[in-house]
């Protein structure tokens, strides 16, 4: 908008650049990225019954390792666990 008073040559150049950018974005979105995404979606749906259990196992193992390292580095976590167990034992009486 700042170059609207600059003259027809400058404005024409800016409009042409905007149109090229718009059409290039539409072409890349619908012509390249869209078909790739559709194909990946098909492969994901086909492999989903096998992929999800593997990911759940990996994430649970990762969480277990992280929590184990956290428990080793923070004695307060172990102490709070002992407090919770002591409270459970005291409630059982």
Protein backbone atom coordinates (compact mmCIF):
# COMPACT_ATOMS: atom_id res chain seq x y z
CA UNK A 1 0.00 0.00 0.00
CA UNK A 2 2.92 2.33 0.54
CA UNK A 3 3.89 2.16 -3.13
CA UNK A 4 0.43 2.98 -4.53
CA UNK A 5 1.51 6.53 -5.36
CA UNK A 6 4.85 5.46 -6.89
CA UNK A 7 3.56 4.98 -10.41
CA UNK A 8 2.05 2.30 -12.63
CA UNK A 9 5.35 0.49 -13.27
CA UNK A 10 6.09 -0.06 -9.58
CA UNK A 11 2.50 -0.96 -8.72
CA UNK A 12 2.33 -3.40 -11.65
CA UNK A 13 5.52 -5.08 -10.46
CA UNK A 14 4.15 -5.46 -6.92
CA UNK A 15 0.81 -6.84 -8.15
CA UNK A 16 2.60 -9.31 -10.43
CA UNK A 17 4.78 -10.51 -7.56
CA UNK A 18 1.72 -10.96 -5.35
CA UNK A 19 -0.10 -12.95 -8.06
CA UNK A 20 2.90 -15.17 -8.73
CA UNK A 21 3.29 -15.86 -5.01
CA UNK A 22 -0.40 -16.67 -4.65
CA UNK A 23 -0.52 -19.02 -7.62
CA UNK A 24 2.76 -20.66 -6.63
CA UNK A 25 1.38 -21.29 -3.12
CA UNK A 26 -1.83 -22.77 -4.52
CA UNK A 27 0.11 -24.98 -6.95
CA UNK A 28 2.49 -26.25 -4.28
CA UNK A 29 -0.34 -26.82 -1.80
CA UNK A 30 -2.71 -28.67 -4.10
CA UNK A 31 -0.24 -30.13 -6.61
CA UNK A 32 2.63 -31.32 -4.43
CA UNK A 33 1.90 -31.27 -0.70
CA UNK A 34 -1.71 -32.49 -1.00
CA UNK A 35 -0.94 -35.73 -2.88
CA UNK A 36 2.03 -36.48 -0.62
CA UNK A 37 -0.13 -35.97 2.47
CA UNK A 38 -2.86 -38.20 1.02
CA UNK A 39 -0.34 -40.97 0.32
CA UNK A 40 1.16 -40.68 3.80
CA UNK A 41 -2.31 -40.77 5.31
CA UNK A 42 -3.06 -43.99 3.42
CA UNK A 43 0.18 -45.57 4.67
CA UNK A 44 -0.53 -44.41 8.21
CA UNK A 45 -4.02 -45.93 8.17
CA UNK A 46 -2.64 -49.20 6.79
CA UNK A 47 0.10 -49.42 9.42
CA UNK A 48 -1.90 -48.07 12.32
CA UNK A 49 -2.74 -51.46 13.92
CA UNK A 50 0.96 -52.23 14.08
CA UNK A 51 2.31 -48.76 14.77
CA UNK A 52 0.24 -47.73 17.78
CA UNK A 53 1.13 -50.67 20.05
CA UNK A 54 4.82 -50.16 19.24
CA UNK A 55 4.59 -46.45 20.03
CA UNK A 56 2.75 -47.12 23.28
CA UNK A 57 5.46 -49.55 24.34
CA UNK A 58 8.26 -47.14 23.40
CA UNK A 59 6.60 -44.22 25.20
CA UNK A 60 5.96 -46.29 28.32
CA UNK A 61 9.57 -47.50 28.36
CA UNK A 62 10.80 -43.94 27.86
CA UNK A 63 8.59 -42.69 30.69
CA UNK A 64 9.79 -45.51 32.92
CA UNK A 65 13.45 -44.68 32.28
CA UNK A 66 12.81 -40.96 32.84
CA UNK A 67 10.99 -41.56 36.11
CA UNK A 68 13.68 -43.97 37.26
CA UNK A 69 16.39 -41.37 36.61
CA UNK A 70 14.26 -38.75 38.34
CA UNK A 71 13.85 -40.97 41.37
CA UNK A 72 17.59 -41.59 41.53
CA UNK A 73 18.44 -37.91 41.32
CA UNK A 74 15.78 -36.60 43.68
CA UNK A 75 15.62 -38.22 47.12
CA UNK A 76 12.52 -36.12 47.84
CA UNK A 77 10.58 -38.19 45.31
CA UNK A 78 11.47 -41.37 47.17
CA UNK A 79 10.68 -39.73 50.47
CA UNK A 80 7.25 -38.62 49.26
CA UNK A 81 6.60 -42.16 48.03
CA UNK A 82 7.40 -43.46 51.51
CA UNK A 83 5.03 -40.89 53.03
CA UNK A 84 2.23 -42.02 50.73
CA UNK A 85 2.83 -45.64 51.66
CA UNK A 86 2.87 -44.76 55.35
CA UNK A 87 -0.44 -42.92 54.97
CA UNK A 88 -1.96 -45.93 53.23
CA UNK A 89 -0.78 -48.18 56.05
CA UNK A 90 -2.11 -45.82 58.73
CA UNK A 91 -5.52 -45.67 57.03
CA UNK A 92 -5.80 -49.45 57.02
CA UNK A 93 -5.91 -49.58 60.87
